[in-house]
Amino acid sequence: MMHIDYVGASRFPTEKANGYQIAQMLQAFQEEGAIARLIHYDERPVELRNQTPESMYELRASLRHENYEVPALLTKALAGNCI
């Protein structure tokens, strides 16, 4: 079984196109039997935090992923976007 860790240096879910692409990619990996894990931070406004990737992107199935509360600077460093 393949394990995939995807490090995102932006909020997720997001209204931007890259959020849709990430969701579709994770869903495709999972449908092929991989365990996909998204590592990201969440800096969305509090009133938007109840949105799920499944509802926002109209996904076919729930994403089986783990979200971690990681400091933004660490996540950016892991993704190669050091300040």
C-alpha atoms as a PDB file:
ATOM      1  CA  MET A   1       0.000   0.000   0.000  1.00  0.00           C
ATOM      2  CA  MET A   2       1.343   3.411  -0.948  1.00  0.00           C
ATOM      3  CA  HIS A   3       1.460   6.218   1.621  1.00  0.00           C
ATOM      4  CA  ILE A   4       1.496   9.784   0.313  1.00  0.00           C
ATOM      5  CA  ASP A   5       2.118  12.873   2.433  1.00  0.00           C
ATOM      6  CA  TYR A   6       1.213  16.143   0.726  1.00  0.00           C
ATOM      7  CA  VAL A   7       2.526  19.297   2.379  1.00  0.00           C
ATOM      8  CA  GLY A   8       0.484  22.359   1.557  1.00  0.00           C
ATOM      9  CA  ALA A   9       1.746  25.850   2.299  1.00  0.00           C
ATOM     10  CA  SER A  10      -1.679  27.432   2.112  1.00  0.00           C
ATOM     11  CA  ARG A  11      -5.051  27.148   3.777  1.00  0.00           C
ATOM     12  CA  PHE A  12      -7.329  24.268   2.841  1.00  0.00           C
ATOM     13  CA  PRO A  13     -10.016  24.178   1.698  1.00  0.00           C
ATOM     14  CA  THR A  14      -9.749  27.422  -0.235  1.00  0.00           C
ATOM     15  CA  GLU A  15     -11.745  29.180  -2.917  1.00  0.00           C
ATOM     16  CA  LYS A  16      -8.652  29.234  -5.147  1.00  0.00           C
ATOM     17  CA  ALA A  17      -8.076  26.753  -7.981  1.00  0.00           C
ATOM     18  CA  ASN A  18      -5.129  25.062  -6.270  1.00  0.00           C
ATOM     19  CA  GLY A  19      -7.422  23.888  -3.455  1.00  0.00           C
ATOM     20  CA  TYR A  20      -9.680  22.156  -5.970  1.00  0.00           C
ATOM     21  CA  GLN A  21      -6.652  20.539  -7.608  1.00  0.00           C
ATOM     22  CA  ILE A  22      -5.339  19.278  -4.252  1.00  0.00           C
ATOM     23  CA  ALA A  23      -8.750  17.801  -3.363  1.00  0.00           C
ATOM     24  CA  GLN A  24      -9.053  16.064  -6.737  1.00  0.00           C
ATOM     25  CA  MET A  25      -5.504  14.706  -6.484  1.00  0.00           C
ATOM     26  CA  LEU A  26      -6.033  13.346  -2.955  1.00  0.00           C
ATOM     27  CA  GLN A  27      -9.328  11.783  -3.992  1.00  0.00           C
ATOM     28  CA  ALA A  28      -7.727  10.104  -7.031  1.00  0.00           C
ATOM     29  CA  PHE A  29      -4.875   8.690  -4.915  1.00  0.00           C
ATOM     30  CA  GLN A  30      -7.370   7.331  -2.378  1.00  0.00           C
ATOM     31  CA  GLU A  31      -9.541   5.767  -5.077  1.00  0.00           C
ATOM     32  CA  GLU A  32      -6.449   3.881  -6.256  1.00  0.00           C
ATOM     33  CA  GLY A  33      -5.913   2.515  -2.739  1.00  0.00           C
ATOM     34  CA  ALA A  34      -3.250   4.891  -1.434  1.00  0.00           C
ATOM     35  CA  ILE A  35      -3.315   6.427   2.019  1.00  0.00           C
ATOM     36  CA  ALA A  36      -3.056  10.149   1.352  1.00  0.00           C
ATOM     37  CA  ARG A  37      -2.361  12.595   4.126  1.00  0.00           C
ATOM     38  CA  LEU A  38      -2.574  16.359   3.785  1.00  0.00           C
ATOM     39  CA  ILE A  39      -0.387  18.426   6.107  1.00  0.00           C
ATOM     40  CA  HIS A  40      -1.424  22.066   6.225  1.00  0.00           C
ATOM     41  CA  TYR A  41      -2.392  24.917   8.435  1.00  0.00           C
ATOM     42  CA  ASP A  42      -5.786  26.541   8.642  1.00  0.00           C
ATOM     43  CA  GLU A  43      -5.850  30.312   8.620  1.00  0.00           C
ATOM     44  CA  ARG A  44      -9.385  30.694   7.312  1.00  0.00           C
ATOM     45  CA  PRO A  45     -11.647  33.146   9.117  1.00  0.00           C
ATOM     46  CA  VAL A  46     -13.546  31.456  11.933  1.00  0.00           C
ATOM     47  CA  GLU A  47     -16.892  31.821  10.126  1.00  0.00           C
ATOM     48  CA  LEU A  48     -15.563  29.727   7.187  1.00  0.00           C
ATOM     49  CA  ARG A  49     -14.036  26.891   9.209  1.00  0.00           C
ATOM     50  CA  ASN A  50     -17.184  24.758   9.064  1.00  0.00           C
ATOM     51  CA  GLN A  51     -16.766  24.245   5.302  1.00  0.00           C
ATOM     52  CA  THR A  52     -15.487  20.800   4.394  1.00  0.00           C
ATOM     53  CA  PRO A  53     -13.519  19.900   1.273  1.00  0.00           C
ATOM     54  CA  GLU A  54     -16.277  17.438   0.341  1.00  0.00           C
ATOM     55  CA  SER A  55     -18.993  20.101   0.272  1.00  0.00           C
ATOM     56  CA  MET A  56     -16.859  22.888  -1.135  1.00  0.00           C
ATOM     57  CA  TYR A  57     -15.485  20.861  -4.063  1.00  0.00           C
ATOM     58  CA  GLU A  58     -18.458  18.480  -4.520  1.00  0.00           C
ATOM     59  CA  LEU A  59     -16.245  15.413  -4.144  1.00  0.00           C
ATOM     60  CA  ARG A  60     -17.530  11.935  -4.961  1.00  0.00           C
ATOM     61  CA  ALA A  61     -16.452  10.533  -1.593  1.00  0.00           C
ATOM     62  CA  SER A  62     -15.080  11.747   1.715  1.00  0.00           C
ATOM     63  CA  LEU A  63     -11.383  12.416   1.790  1.00  0.00           C
ATOM     64  CA  ARG A  64      -9.597   9.992   4.062  1.00  0.00           C
ATOM     65  CA  HIS A  65      -6.894  12.312   5.242  1.00  0.00           C
ATOM     66  CA  GLU A  66      -5.427  13.650   8.419  1.00  0.00           C
ATOM     67  CA  ASN A  67      -5.149  17.329   9.152  1.00  0.00           C
ATOM     68  CA  TYR A  68      -2.541  18.640  11.513  1.00  0.00           C
ATOM     69  CA  GLU A  69      -2.371  21.950  13.258  1.00  0.00           C
ATOM     70  CA  VAL A  70       1.141  22.943  12.216  1.00  0.00           C
ATOM     71  CA  PRO A  71       2.625  26.411  12.676  1.00  0.00           C
ATOM     72  CA  ALA A  72       2.481  28.291   9.375  1.00  0.00           C
ATOM     73  CA  LEU A  73       6.219  28.981   9.317  1.00  0.00           C
ATOM     74  CA  LEU A  74       7.037  25.272   9.706  1.00  0.00           C
ATOM     75  CA  THR A  75       4.569  24.262   7.004  1.00  0.00           C
ATOM     76  CA  LYS A  76       6.009  26.869   4.621  1.00  0.00           C
ATOM     77  CA  ALA A  77       9.519  25.624   5.373  1.00  0.00           C
ATOM     78  CA  LEU A  78       8.491  22.004   4.680  1.00  0.00           C
ATOM     79  CA  ALA A  79       6.941  23.073   1.389  1.00  0.00           C
ATOM     80  CA  GLY A  80      10.085  24.975   0.391  1.00  0.00           C
ATOM     81  CA  ASN A  81       8.565  28.428   0.817  1.00  0.00           C
ATOM     82  CA  CYS A  82      10.803  29.738   3.579  1.00  0.00           C
ATOM     83  CA  ILE A  83      10.469  33.392   4.390  1.00  0.00           C
END
